[in-house]
Structures are given as C-alpha cells and as structure tokens.
C-alpha atoms as a PDB file:
ATOM      1  CA  UNK A   1      11.941   0.912 -32.737  1.00  0.00           C
ATOM      2  CA  UNK A   2      11.485   2.851 -29.469  1.00  0.00           C
ATOM      3  CA  UNK A   3      10.224   1.629 -26.821  1.00  0.00           C
ATOM      4  CA  UNK A   4       7.932   3.345 -23.648  1.00  0.00           C
ATOM      5  CA  UNK A   5       9.353   3.683 -20.276  1.00  0.00           C
ATOM      6  CA  UNK A   6       5.507   2.933 -18.777  1.00  0.00           C
ATOM      7  CA  UNK A   7       4.388  -0.246 -18.804  1.00  0.00           C
ATOM      8  CA  UNK A   8       2.800  -2.783 -16.396  1.00  0.00           C
ATOM      9  CA  UNK A   9       3.125  -6.666 -16.403  1.00  0.00           C
ATOM     10  CA  UNK A  10       1.118  -9.278 -14.501  1.00  0.00           C
ATOM     11  CA  UNK A  11       1.122 -13.235 -13.467  1.00  0.00           C
ATOM     12  CA  UNK A  12      -0.308 -15.823 -11.410  1.00  0.00           C
ATOM     13  CA  UNK A  13       0.955 -19.402 -10.483  1.00  0.00           C
ATOM     14  CA  UNK A  14      -0.794 -21.726  -8.638  1.00  0.00           C
ATOM     15  CA  UNK A  15       0.639 -24.611  -6.893  1.00  0.00           C
ATOM     16  CA  UNK A  16      -0.541 -27.217  -4.621  1.00  0.00           C
ATOM     17  CA  UNK A  17      -0.773 -25.110  -1.711  1.00  0.00           C
ATOM     18  CA  UNK A  18      -0.171 -21.487  -2.923  1.00  0.00           C
ATOM     19  CA  UNK A  19      -1.470 -18.648  -5.004  1.00  0.00           C
ATOM     20  CA  UNK A  20       1.605 -16.502  -6.112  1.00  0.00           C
ATOM     21  CA  UNK A  21       1.297 -13.074  -7.891  1.00  0.00           C
ATOM     22  CA  UNK A  22       3.461 -10.975  -9.338  1.00  0.00           C
ATOM     23  CA  UNK A  23       3.186  -7.596 -10.350  1.00  0.00           C
ATOM     24  CA  UNK A  24       5.522  -4.878 -11.941  1.00  0.00           C
ATOM     25  CA  UNK A  25       5.122  -1.648 -12.912  1.00  0.00           C
ATOM     26  CA  UNK A  26       7.465   0.770 -14.270  1.00  0.00           C
ATOM     27  CA  UNK A  27       7.840   4.735 -15.052  1.00  0.00           C
ATOM     28  CA  UNK A  28      10.409   7.131 -16.277  1.00  0.00           C
ATOM     29  CA  UNK A  29      13.276   7.449 -14.654  1.00  0.00           C
ATOM     30  CA  UNK A  30      17.461   8.442 -15.765  1.00  0.00           C
ATOM     31  CA  UNK A  31      18.421   5.078 -14.500  1.00  0.00           C
ATOM     32  CA  UNK A  32      17.147   1.813 -13.034  1.00  0.00           C
ATOM     33  CA  UNK A  33      15.203   2.204  -9.526  1.00  0.00           C
ATOM     34  CA  UNK A  34      13.675  -1.100  -8.266  1.00  0.00           C
ATOM     35  CA  UNK A  35      11.560  -1.204  -5.180  1.00  0.00           C
ATOM     36  CA  UNK A  36      10.796  -4.870  -4.123  1.00  0.00           C
ATOM     37  CA  UNK A  37       7.584  -5.789  -1.568  1.00  0.00           C
ATOM     38  CA  UNK A  38       7.658  -9.518  -1.127  1.00  0.00           C
ATOM     39  CA  UNK A  39       7.142 -11.641   2.369  1.00  0.00           C
ATOM     40  CA  UNK A  40       9.888 -11.960   4.626  1.00  0.00           C
ATOM     41  CA  UNK A  41      11.001 -15.297   4.031  1.00  0.00           C
ATOM     42  CA  UNK A  42      11.476 -14.799   0.173  1.00  0.00           C
ATOM     43  CA  UNK A  43      14.080 -11.870   0.902  1.00  0.00           C
ATOM     44  CA  UNK A  44      17.135 -14.397   0.525  1.00  0.00           C
ATOM     45  CA  UNK A  45      16.253 -14.540  -3.309  1.00  0.00           C
ATOM     46  CA  UNK A  46      15.613 -10.753  -4.006  1.00  0.00           C
ATOM     47  CA  UNK A  47      19.075 -10.379  -5.124  1.00  0.00           C
ATOM     48  CA  UNK A  48      18.149 -12.733  -7.914  1.00  0.00           C
ATOM     49  CA  UNK A  49      15.185 -11.217  -8.453  1.00  0.00           C
ATOM     50  CA  UNK A  50      16.467  -7.934  -9.044  1.00  0.00           C
ATOM     51  CA  UNK A  51      19.274  -9.629 -11.692  1.00  0.00           C
ATOM     52  CA  UNK A  52      16.173 -10.815 -13.665  1.00  0.00           C
ATOM     53  CA  UNK A  53      14.408  -7.166 -13.801  1.00  0.00           C
ATOM     54  CA  UNK A  54      17.394  -5.856 -14.424  1.00  0.00           C
ATOM     55  CA  UNK A  55      18.311  -7.879 -17.575  1.00  0.00           C
ATOM     56  CA  UNK A  56      14.840  -7.108 -19.106  1.00  0.00           C
ATOM     57  CA  UNK A  57      13.756  -3.619 -17.936  1.00  0.00           C
ATOM     58  CA  UNK A  58      17.054  -1.835 -19.038  1.00  0.00           C
ATOM     59  CA  UNK A  59      15.563   1.580 -17.160  1.00  0.00           C
ATOM     60  CA  UNK A  60      13.276   3.185 -15.112  1.00  0.00           C
ATOM     61  CA  UNK A  61      11.351   3.293 -12.112  1.00  0.00           C
ATOM     62  CA  UNK A  62      10.287  -0.025 -11.136  1.00  0.00           C
ATOM     63  CA  UNK A  63       7.821  -1.285  -8.313  1.00  0.00           C
ATOM     64  CA  UNK A  64       8.128  -5.143  -8.299  1.00  0.00           C
ATOM     65  CA  UNK A  65       5.299  -6.861  -6.202  1.00  0.00           C
ATOM     66  CA  UNK A  66       5.337 -10.528  -5.135  1.00  0.00           C
ATOM     67  CA  UNK A  67       2.154 -11.443  -2.877  1.00  0.00           C
ATOM     68  CA  UNK A  68       2.069 -15.321  -1.421  1.00  0.00           C
ATOM     69  CA  UNK A  69      -1.361 -16.842  -0.743  1.00  0.00           C
ATOM     70  CA  UNK A  70      -1.642 -19.957   0.900  1.00  0.00           C
ATOM     71  CA  UNK A  71      -4.660 -21.859  -0.162  1.00  0.00           C
ATOM     72  CA  UNK A  72      -3.825 -25.529   1.699  1.00  0.00           C
ATOM     73  CA  UNK A  73      -3.927 -26.346   4.931  1.00  0.00           C
ATOM     74  CA  UNK A  74      -0.269 -26.110   5.661  1.00  0.00           C
ATOM     75  CA  UNK A  75       0.282 -22.464   7.206  1.00  0.00           C
ATOM     76  CA  UNK A  76       3.868 -21.076   8.875  1.00  0.00           C
ATOM     77  CA  UNK A  77       1.713 -18.442  11.023  1.00  0.00           C
ATOM     78  CA  UNK A  78       1.468 -19.006  14.154  1.00  0.00           C
ATOM     79  CA  UNK A  79      -0.865 -17.452  17.013  1.00  0.00           C
ATOM     80  CA  UNK A  80       1.009 -16.825  20.298  1.00  0.00           C
ATOM     81  CA  UNK A  81      -1.031 -17.765  22.853  1.00  0.00           C
ATOM     82  CA  UNK A  82       0.405 -16.283  25.643  1.00  0.00           C
ATOM     83  CA  UNK A  83       1.356 -13.219  24.619  1.00  0.00           C
ATOM     84  CA  UNK A  84      -2.594 -13.045  23.106  1.00  0.00           C
ATOM     85  CA  UNK A  85      -3.686 -13.426  26.663  1.00  0.00           C
ATOM     86  CA  UNK A  86      -1.516 -11.262  28.541  1.00  0.00           C
ATOM     87  CA  UNK A  87      -2.455  -8.326  25.767  1.00  0.00           C
ATOM     88  CA  UNK A  88      -6.273  -9.610  26.726  1.00  0.00           C
ATOM     89  CA  UNK A  89      -5.579  -9.375  30.526  1.00  0.00           C
ATOM     90  CA  UNK A  90      -3.808  -5.578  30.277  1.00  0.00           C
ATOM     91  CA  UNK A  91      -6.442  -4.637  27.846  1.00  0.00           C
ATOM     92  CA  UNK A  92      -9.463  -5.761  29.935  1.00  0.00           C
ATOM     93  CA  UNK A  93      -8.078  -4.193  32.953  1.00  0.00           C
ATOM     94  CA  UNK A  94      -7.254  -1.285  31.536  1.00  0.00           C
ATOM     95  CA  UNK A  95     -10.700  -0.615  29.615  1.00  0.00           C
ATOM     96  CA  UNK A  96     -13.039  -2.317  32.299  1.00  0.00           C
ATOM     97  CA  UNK A  97     -14.049  -4.146  29.259  1.00  0.00           C
ATOM     98  CA  UNK A  98     -16.897  -7.048  30.208  1.00  0.00           C
ATOM     99  CA  UNK A  99     -16.277 -10.627  28.826  1.00  0.00           C
ATOM    100  CA  UNK A 100     -19.275  -9.987  26.396  1.00  0.00           C
ATOM    101  CA  UNK A 101     -17.321  -8.109  24.439  1.00  0.00           C
ATOM    102  CA  UNK A 102     -14.452 -10.241  24.369  1.00  0.00           C
ATOM    103  CA  UNK A 103     -14.424 -10.991  20.716  1.00  0.00           C
ATOM    104  CA  UNK A 104     -13.403  -7.089  20.105  1.00  0.00           C
ATOM    105  CA  UNK A 105     -11.101  -7.197  22.309  1.00  0.00           C
ATOM    106  CA  UNK A 106      -9.262 -10.550  21.106  1.00  0.00           C
ATOM    107  CA  UNK A 107      -9.474  -8.555  17.452  1.00  0.00           C
ATOM    108  CA  UNK A 108      -7.170  -5.923  19.058  1.00  0.00           C
ATOM    109  CA  UNK A 109      -4.692  -7.879  20.599  1.00  0.00           C
ATOM    110  CA  UNK A 110      -3.701 -10.023  17.722  1.00  0.00           C
ATOM    111  CA  UNK A 111      -3.098  -6.853  15.750  1.00  0.00           C
ATOM    112  CA  UNK A 112      -0.477  -5.969  18.505  1.00  0.00           C
ATOM    113  CA  UNK A 113       3.329  -6.354  18.280  1.00  0.00           C
ATOM    114  CA  UNK A 114       4.438 -10.266  18.698  1.00  0.00           C
ATOM    115  CA  UNK A 115       1.175 -11.738  18.428  1.00  0.00           C
ATOM    116  CA  UNK A 116       1.547 -13.682  15.599  1.00  0.00           C
ATOM    117  CA  UNK A 117       4.321 -15.090  14.393  1.00  0.00           C
ATOM    118  CA  UNK A 118       5.934 -16.750  10.894  1.00  0.00           C
ATOM    119  CA  UNK A 119       8.452 -19.058  10.555  1.00  0.00           C
ATOM    120  CA  UNK A 120      11.088 -17.975   8.174  1.00  0.00           C
ATOM    121  CA  UNK A 121      11.503 -21.381   6.232  1.00  0.00           C
ATOM    122  CA  UNK A 122      13.533 -21.692   3.544  1.00  0.00           C
ATOM    123  CA  UNK A 123      12.345 -21.237   0.006  1.00  0.00           C
ATOM    124  CA  UNK A 124      11.572 -24.403  -1.816  1.00  0.00           C
ATOM    125  CA  UNK A 125      13.446 -24.733  -4.951  1.00  0.00           C
ATOM    126  CA  UNK A 126      10.805 -25.922  -7.192  1.00  0.00           C
ATOM    127  CA  UNK A 127       8.572 -22.813  -5.494  1.00  0.00           C
ATOM    128  CA  UNK A 128      11.171 -20.627  -6.451  1.00  0.00           C
ATOM    129  CA  UNK A 129      11.530 -21.919 -10.109  1.00  0.00           C
ATOM    130  CA  UNK A 130       7.762 -21.474 -10.563  1.00  0.00           C
ATOM    131  CA  UNK A 131       8.342 -17.759  -9.119  1.00  0.00           C
ATOM    132  CA  UNK A 132      11.030 -16.986 -11.600  1.00  0.00           C
ATOM    133  CA  UNK A 133       8.606 -18.549 -14.307  1.00  0.00           C
ATOM    134  CA  UNK A 134       5.705 -15.595 -12.724  1.00  0.00           C
ATOM    135  CA  UNK A 135       8.237 -13.007 -13.070  1.00  0.00           C
ATOM    136  CA  UNK A 136       9.375 -13.682 -16.489  1.00  0.00           C
ATOM    137  CA  UNK A 137       5.808 -14.284 -17.682  1.00  0.00           C
ATOM    138  CA  UNK A 138       5.366 -10.670 -15.900  1.00  0.00           C
ATOM    139  CA  UNK A 139       8.437  -9.092 -17.873  1.00  0.00           C
ATOM    140  CA  UNK A 140       7.362 -10.184 -21.295  1.00  0.00           C
ATOM    141  CA  UNK A 141       3.455  -8.782 -20.588  1.00  0.00           C
ATOM    142  CA  UNK A 142       5.187  -5.721 -19.306  1.00  0.00           C
ATOM    143  CA  UNK A 143       7.369  -4.956 -22.020  1.00  0.00           C
ATOM    144  CA  UNK A 144       4.511  -5.606 -24.542  1.00  0.00           C
ATOM    145  CA  UNK A 145       2.651  -3.005 -22.912  1.00  0.00           C
ATOM    146  CA  UNK A 146       5.976  -0.858 -23.455  1.00  0.00           C
ATOM    147  CA  UNK A 147       6.217  -1.632 -27.139  1.00  0.00           C
ATOM    148  CA  UNK A 148       2.626  -0.912 -27.213  1.00  0.00           C
ATOM    149  CA  UNK A 149       3.216   3.030 -25.943  1.00  0.00           C
ATOM    150  CA  UNK A 150       6.196   3.234 -28.329  1.00  0.00           C
ATOM    151  CA  UNK A 151       4.113   2.844 -31.439  1.00  0.00           C
ATOM    152  CA  UNK A 152       1.942   5.517 -30.195  1.00  0.00           C
ATOM    153  CA  UNK A 153       4.506   8.111 -29.102  1.00  0.00           C
ATOM    154  CA  UNK A 154       6.347   7.162 -32.286  1.00  0.00           C
ATOM    155  CA  UNK A 155       3.653   7.844 -34.651  1.00  0.00           C
ATOM    156  CA  UNK A 156       3.195  11.245 -32.664  1.00  0.00           C
ATOM    157  CA  UNK A 157       6.931  12.003 -33.246  1.00  0.00           C
ATOM    158  CA  UNK A 158       6.762  11.642 -36.856  1.00  0.00           C
ATOM    159  CA  UNK A 159       3.464  14.094 -37.259  1.00  0.00           C
ATOM    160  CA  UNK A 160       5.522  16.466 -35.075  1.00  0.00           C
ATOM    161  CA  UNK A 161       8.776  15.783 -37.382  1.00  0.00           C
ATOM    162  CA  UNK A 162       6.420  16.681 -40.336  1.00  0.00           C
ATOM    163  CA  UNK A 163       4.708  19.522 -38.963  1.00  0.00           C
ATOM    164  CA  UNK A 164       8.598  21.051 -38.331  1.00  0.00           C
ATOM    165  CA  UNK A 165       9.790  20.048 -42.025  1.00  0.00           C
ATOM    166  CA  UNK A 166       6.502  22.143 -43.122  1.00  0.00           C
ATOM    167  CA  UNK A 167       7.412  25.075 -40.777  1.00  0.00           C
ATOM    168  CA  UNK A 168      10.693  24.810 -42.512  1.00  0.00           C
ATOM    169  CA  UNK A 169       9.466  24.827 -45.610  1.00  0.00           C
ATOM    170  CA  UNK A 170       7.473  28.146 -45.226  1.00  0.00           C
ATOM    171  CA  UNK A 171      10.823  29.616 -43.609  1.00  0.00           C
ATOM    172  CA  UNK A 172      12.931  28.900 -46.557  1.00  0.00           C
ATOM    173  CA  UNK A 173      10.113  30.364 -48.796  1.00  0.00           C
ATOM    174  CA  UNK A 174       9.728  33.859 -46.664  1.00  0.00           C
ATOM    175  CA  UNK A 175      13.511  34.173 -46.336  1.00  0.00           C
ATOM    176  CA  UNK A 176      14.025  35.939 -49.868  1.00  0.00           C
ATOM    177  CA  UNK A 177      11.521  38.380 -48.857  1.00  0.00           C
ATOM    178  CA  UNK A 178      13.032  39.172 -45.576  1.00  0.00           C
ATOM    179  CA  UNK A 179      16.634  39.634 -46.723  1.00  0.00           C
ATOM    180  CA  UNK A 180      14.888  41.936 -49.397  1.00  0.00           C
ATOM    181  CA  UNK A 181      13.104  43.698 -46.471  1.00  0.00           C
ATOM    182  CA  UNK A 182      16.356  44.050 -44.343  1.00  0.00           C
ATOM    183  CA  UNK A 183      17.932  45.695 -47.601  1.00  0.00           C
ATOM    184  CA  UNK A 184      15.178  48.036 -48.174  1.00  0.00           C
ATOM    185  CA  UNK A 185      15.313  49.042 -44.461  1.00  0.00           C
ATOM    186  CA  UNK A 186      19.056  50.009 -44.724  1.00  0.00           C
ATOM    187  CA  UNK A 187      18.943  52.032 -47.609  1.00  0.00           C
ATOM    188  CA  UNK A 188      16.002  54.122 -46.548  1.00  0.00           C
ATOM    189  CA  UNK A 189      18.072  54.600 -43.574  1.00  0.00           C
ATOM    190  CA  UNK A 190      20.744  55.778 -45.482  1.00  0.00           C
ATOM    191  CA  UNK A 191      18.554  58.093 -47.663  1.00  0.00           C
ATOM    192  CA  UNK A 192      16.959  59.746 -44.505  1.00  0.00           C
ATOM    193  CA  UNK A 193      20.483  60.976 -43.788  1.00  0.00           C
ATOM    194  CA  UNK A 194      20.183  62.944 -46.707  1.00  0.00           C
ATOM    195  CA  UNK A 195      24.112  62.760 -47.006  1.00  0.00           C
ATOM    196  CA  UNK A 196      26.443  61.549 -50.016  1.00  0.00           C
ATOM    197  CA  UNK A 197      27.577  58.455 -49.501  1.00  0.00           C
ATOM    198  CA  UNK A 198      30.232  56.065 -51.136  1.00  0.00           C
ATOM    199  CA  UNK A 199      28.175  53.378 -53.544  1.00  0.00           C
ATOM    200  CA  UNK A 200      31.132  50.974 -53.225  1.00  0.00           C
ATOM    201  CA  UNK A 201      31.544  51.129 -49.380  1.00  0.00           C
ATOM    202  CA  UNK A 202      27.672  51.315 -48.723  1.00  0.00           C
ATOM    203  CA  UNK A 203      27.272  47.913 -50.827  1.00  0.00           C
ATOM    204  CA  UNK A 204      30.261  46.507 -48.845  1.00  0.00           C
ATOM    205  CA  UNK A 205      28.849  47.460 -45.353  1.00  0.00           C
ATOM    206  CA  UNK A 206      25.422  46.286 -46.623  1.00  0.00           C
ATOM    207  CA  UNK A 207      26.702  42.697 -47.447  1.00  0.00           C
ATOM    208  CA  UNK A 208      28.358  42.339 -44.570  1.00  0.00           C
ATOM    209  CA  UNK A 209      25.711  43.344 -42.351  1.00  0.00           C
ATOM    210  CA  UNK A 210      23.413  41.219 -44.162  1.00  0.00           C
ATOM    211  CA  UNK A 211      25.550  38.244 -44.128  1.00  0.00           C
ATOM    212  CA  UNK A 212      25.063  38.663 -40.001  1.00  0.00           C
ATOM    213  CA  UNK A 213      21.657  37.765 -40.517  1.00  0.00           C
ATOM    214  CA  UNK A 214      21.786  35.105 -43.160  1.00  0.00           C
ATOM    215  CA  UNK A 215      20.104  31.615 -42.203  1.00  0.00           C
ATOM    216  CA  UNK A 216      21.443  29.312 -44.583  1.00  0.00           C
ATOM    217  CA  UNK A 217      23.646  27.236 -42.350  1.00  0.00           C
ATOM    218  CA  UNK A 218      20.450  26.920 -39.888  1.00  0.00           C
ATOM    219  CA  UNK A 219      18.854  26.014 -42.426  1.00  0.00           C
ATOM    220  CA  UNK A 220      20.696  23.394 -43.872  1.00  0.00           C
ATOM    221  CA  UNK A 221      21.251  21.941 -40.459  1.00  0.00           C
ATOM    222  CA  UNK A 222      18.114  22.066 -39.338  1.00  0.00           C
ATOM    223  CA  UNK A 223      16.826  20.206 -42.128  1.00  0.00           C
ATOM    224  CA  UNK A 224      19.309  17.455 -41.591  1.00  0.00           C
ATOM    225  CA  UNK A 225      18.643  17.390 -37.828  1.00  0.00           C
ATOM    226  CA  UNK A 226      15.092  16.422 -38.816  1.00  0.00           C
ATOM    227  CA  UNK A 227      15.878  13.607 -41.300  1.00  0.00           C
ATOM    228  CA  UNK A 228      18.291  11.996 -38.939  1.00  0.00           C
ATOM    229  CA  UNK A 229      16.039  12.031 -36.074  1.00  0.00           C
ATOM    230  CA  UNK A 230      13.241  10.024 -38.621  1.00  0.00           C
ATOM    231  CA  UNK A 231      16.288   7.818 -39.285  1.00  0.00           C
ATOM    232  CA  UNK A 232      17.414   7.032 -35.660  1.00  0.00           C
ATOM    233  CA  UNK A 233      13.204   6.415 -34.819  1.00  0.00           C
ATOM    234  CA  UNK A 234      13.188   4.034 -37.859  1.00  0.00           C
ATOM    235  CA  UNK A 235      16.553   2.020 -36.784  1.00  0.00           C
ATOM    236  CA  UNK A 236      16.015  -1.315 -35.317  1.00  0.00           C
ATOM    237  CA  UNK A 237      17.551  -0.308 -31.829  1.00  0.00           C
ATOM    238  CA  UNK A 238      16.898   3.384 -31.162  1.00  0.00           C
ATOM    239  CA  UNK A 239      17.338   5.173 -27.801  1.00  0.00           C
ATOM    240  CA  UNK A 240      15.615   7.934 -25.960  1.00  0.00           C
ATOM    241  CA  UNK A 241      19.098   9.829 -24.783  1.00  0.00           C
ATOM    242  CA  UNK A 242      20.196   9.654 -28.637  1.00  0.00           C
ATOM    243  CA  UNK A 243      17.195  11.420 -29.566  1.00  0.00           C
ATOM    244  CA  UNK A 244      17.321  13.596 -26.893  1.00  0.00           C
ATOM    245  CA  UNK A 245      20.723  14.651 -27.981  1.00  0.00           C
ATOM    246  CA  UNK A 246      19.217  15.283 -31.423  1.00  0.00           C
ATOM    247  CA  UNK A 247      16.381  17.246 -30.303  1.00  0.00           C
ATOM    248  CA  UNK A 248      18.408  19.429 -28.499  1.00  0.00           C
ATOM    249  CA  UNK A 249      20.397  20.444 -31.435  1.00  0.00           C
ATOM    250  CA  UNK A 250      17.222  21.222 -33.065  1.00  0.00           C
ATOM    251  CA  UNK A 251      16.401  23.689 -30.620  1.00  0.00           C
ATOM    252  CA  UNK A 252      19.620  25.287 -31.211  1.00  0.00           C
ATOM    253  CA  UNK A 253      19.449  25.627 -34.710  1.00  0.00           C
ATOM    254  CA  UNK A 254      15.459  26.965 -34.236  1.00  0.00           C
ATOM    255  CA  UNK A 255      16.388  29.380 -31.507  1.00  0.00           C
ATOM    256  CA  UNK A 256      19.217  30.690 -33.666  1.00  0.00           C
ATOM    257  CA  UNK A 257      16.709  31.279 -37.002  1.00  0.00           C
ATOM    258  CA  UNK A 258      14.106  33.394 -34.189  1.00  0.00           C
ATOM    259  CA  UNK A 259      16.818  35.214 -33.001  1.00  0.00           C
ATOM    260  CA  UNK A 260      18.622  36.385 -36.530  1.00  0.00           C
ATOM    261  CA  UNK A 261      15.108  36.319 -38.441  1.00  0.00           C
ATOM    262  CA  UNK A 262      14.354  40.176 -37.297  1.00  0.00           C
ATOM    263  CA  UNK A 263      11.162  39.703 -39.552  1.00  0.00           C
ATOM    264  CA  UNK A 264       7.581  39.137 -38.017  1.00  0.00           C
ATOM    265  CA  UNK A 265       6.142  36.641 -40.463  1.00  0.00           C
ATOM    266  CA  UNK A 266       9.034  34.063 -39.625  1.00  0.00           C
ATOM    267  CA  UNK A 267       9.314  34.752 -36.316  1.00  0.00           C
ATOM    268  CA  UNK A 268       5.537  33.307 -36.046  1.00  0.00           C
ATOM    269  CA  UNK A 269       6.903  30.384 -37.831  1.00  0.00           C
ATOM    270  CA  UNK A 270       9.753  30.348 -35.058  1.00  0.00           C
ATOM    271  CA  UNK A 271       7.384  30.453 -32.581  1.00  0.00           C
ATOM    272  CA  UNK A 272       5.012  27.328 -33.960  1.00  0.00           C
ATOM    273  CA  UNK A 273       8.369  25.486 -34.444  1.00  0.00           C
ATOM    274  CA  UNK A 274       9.330  26.020 -30.561  1.00  0.00           C
ATOM    275  CA  UNK A 275       5.717  24.977 -29.810  1.00  0.00           C
ATOM    276  CA  UNK A 276       6.112  21.138 -31.735  1.00  0.00           C
ATOM    277  CA  UNK A 277       9.690  20.594 -30.320  1.00  0.00           C
ATOM    278  CA  UNK A 278       8.394  21.568 -26.810  1.00  0.00           C
ATOM    279  CA  UNK A 279       5.805  18.772 -27.665  1.00  0.00           C
ATOM    280  CA  UNK A 280       8.648  16.106 -28.919  1.00  0.00           C
ATOM    281  CA  UNK A 281      10.530  17.031 -25.872  1.00  0.00           C
ATOM    282  CA  UNK A 282       7.909  16.207 -22.993  1.00  0.00           C
ATOM    283  CA  UNK A 283       7.679  12.459 -24.846  1.00  0.00           C
ATOM    284  CA  UNK A 284      11.022  12.301 -24.876  1.00  0.00           C
ATOM    285  CA  UNK A 285      11.531  11.903 -21.261  1.00  0.00           C
ATOM    286  CA  UNK A 286       9.540   8.821 -21.137  1.00  0.00           C
ATOM    287  CA  UNK A 287      11.222   6.959 -24.110  1.00  0.00           C
ATOM    288  CA  UNK A 288      13.508   3.872 -23.320  1.00  0.00           C
END
C-alpha cells in the first residue's frame, strides 16, 4: 500500500488555563525537512518534538505549528510601563499629537520594540505531556490523510498500468506487420537496383538487418516491468523510490521500442505509452 506525502493533521487540547493547538502539514520532498513555529518558551523542547515528527512522517516538507492561547487569569506577558511612557512622550513631541488622541498613540507605542515582554518560564511537565499527546493525535490525523490520498493514487496507477498493458498488446499485434513491411521495403529497394543479387547472401543480410529492428526483448522486459510495478504497488510496504526505479526501466524499454519501430502505426502507440508513463511519473513525485 502506498501513502502520499501530502497530508494535514490538527489537534487541540484544553488545559485549565491554556488552549493548545497543533497543526502539521506535509508536502512532497526527497528528504525530511521540518519547519517549526512555536512560542519562544517551548523552544527548549523543540528537539523532542522534531524527533516525534521524524519517527512518524518518514520524509516530506513539513510545517509544524504550535499555538498556545492563555484562557485563564494567569499570564506571563507584561507591559513595560516606563518604556511605553517614553515612547508616547517622544511620539507626542514628534508629531504634535493632542492628548485627545492618546488612545491611538498608546496603540502605536505598544507595537514598538520592548513595549511588551514575556517571561520565558520553563514548560511544566504535565503541560508538555499534553502537548505530546496533541502532536501524536495530529500525526495520526495526518497519516490518515496520507493513506486516503495514497489509495486514490494507487487506483490511478493501476488504471495507467492497465492502459500500458493494452497498448503493449497492440504493439505485439502490429509487430509482424511491421517486420513484413520492413522486409518488403528492402526487397523493393534491391529490385529497383536492377542488378543480379546472390539470393543466399541477400537473405543473410536481410536477416541481419531485420534483427537490428527486432523488439522481442523489449516487449518481454516491458511486460515484466509492468507486472512488477503492480506487484510492488500491492506489497504491504511499498515505497515511492522503488516504484520510481521501475518506471525508469519502463521508460527505457518504451524509448527503445520507439527508436526501433520505424513503422507509423507502432510509433503512434509508443507516443500513447509515453503519455501514460509521464502521468505516472508526475504522480510518483508525491509518493512516500
């Protein structure tokens, strides 16, 4: 079963005096890349939180957001009165603002540096335990999202592989006609020379020339790759990198068939095969 690298998970925990919200969003990436946003007092626990995410995510570009809203009377935020007064005095003097506009002046002063400070108190263990539980729940939700996305992608992959198998069947059906067409062209070319030709030598050269355009091996290998892709897709542990390698081999065989075909009906089929494979490769970038 495959999983998408795209996912979203959210969890909220209500403590006596705080509301904690965790959001985790993931997108496709070759490796694990975690970006975190959280209040400064929780940075001491960041490595622990990153490890939790890494164990459950695998790989992908991950945005982790921790928000804490104080709902009780207790707060660690304080207004620096003296600094705010100094800001207001300077602003009033600079812009000649009247006392009637003090409310607007206060709003500006509070937005300036050092007007408000937050005590960086240590995170209580019981609070951090609640945060860990919220992270685990968000990760479960995210991986559930990834699984559902993976099921949709798996269905699409199987449809594309089925189309490739049908196109390969058509290639096999038109191949005898292609070879006969090639043989006829060579015989006609020799007749146009209006010269006597050693029949045995001509037959040897004809066989040698036709063998250069033989695609029997490519047809067999492509059929095997298509079957192996489905087998890997249905495996309990299925990875995007392995499926990516198989799709590369499929592309190599399709390209070789195209370069050897030298026959318009077959080349048309090859173009259709390349189109289906390209759609598979686009989706492949998002598989975990």
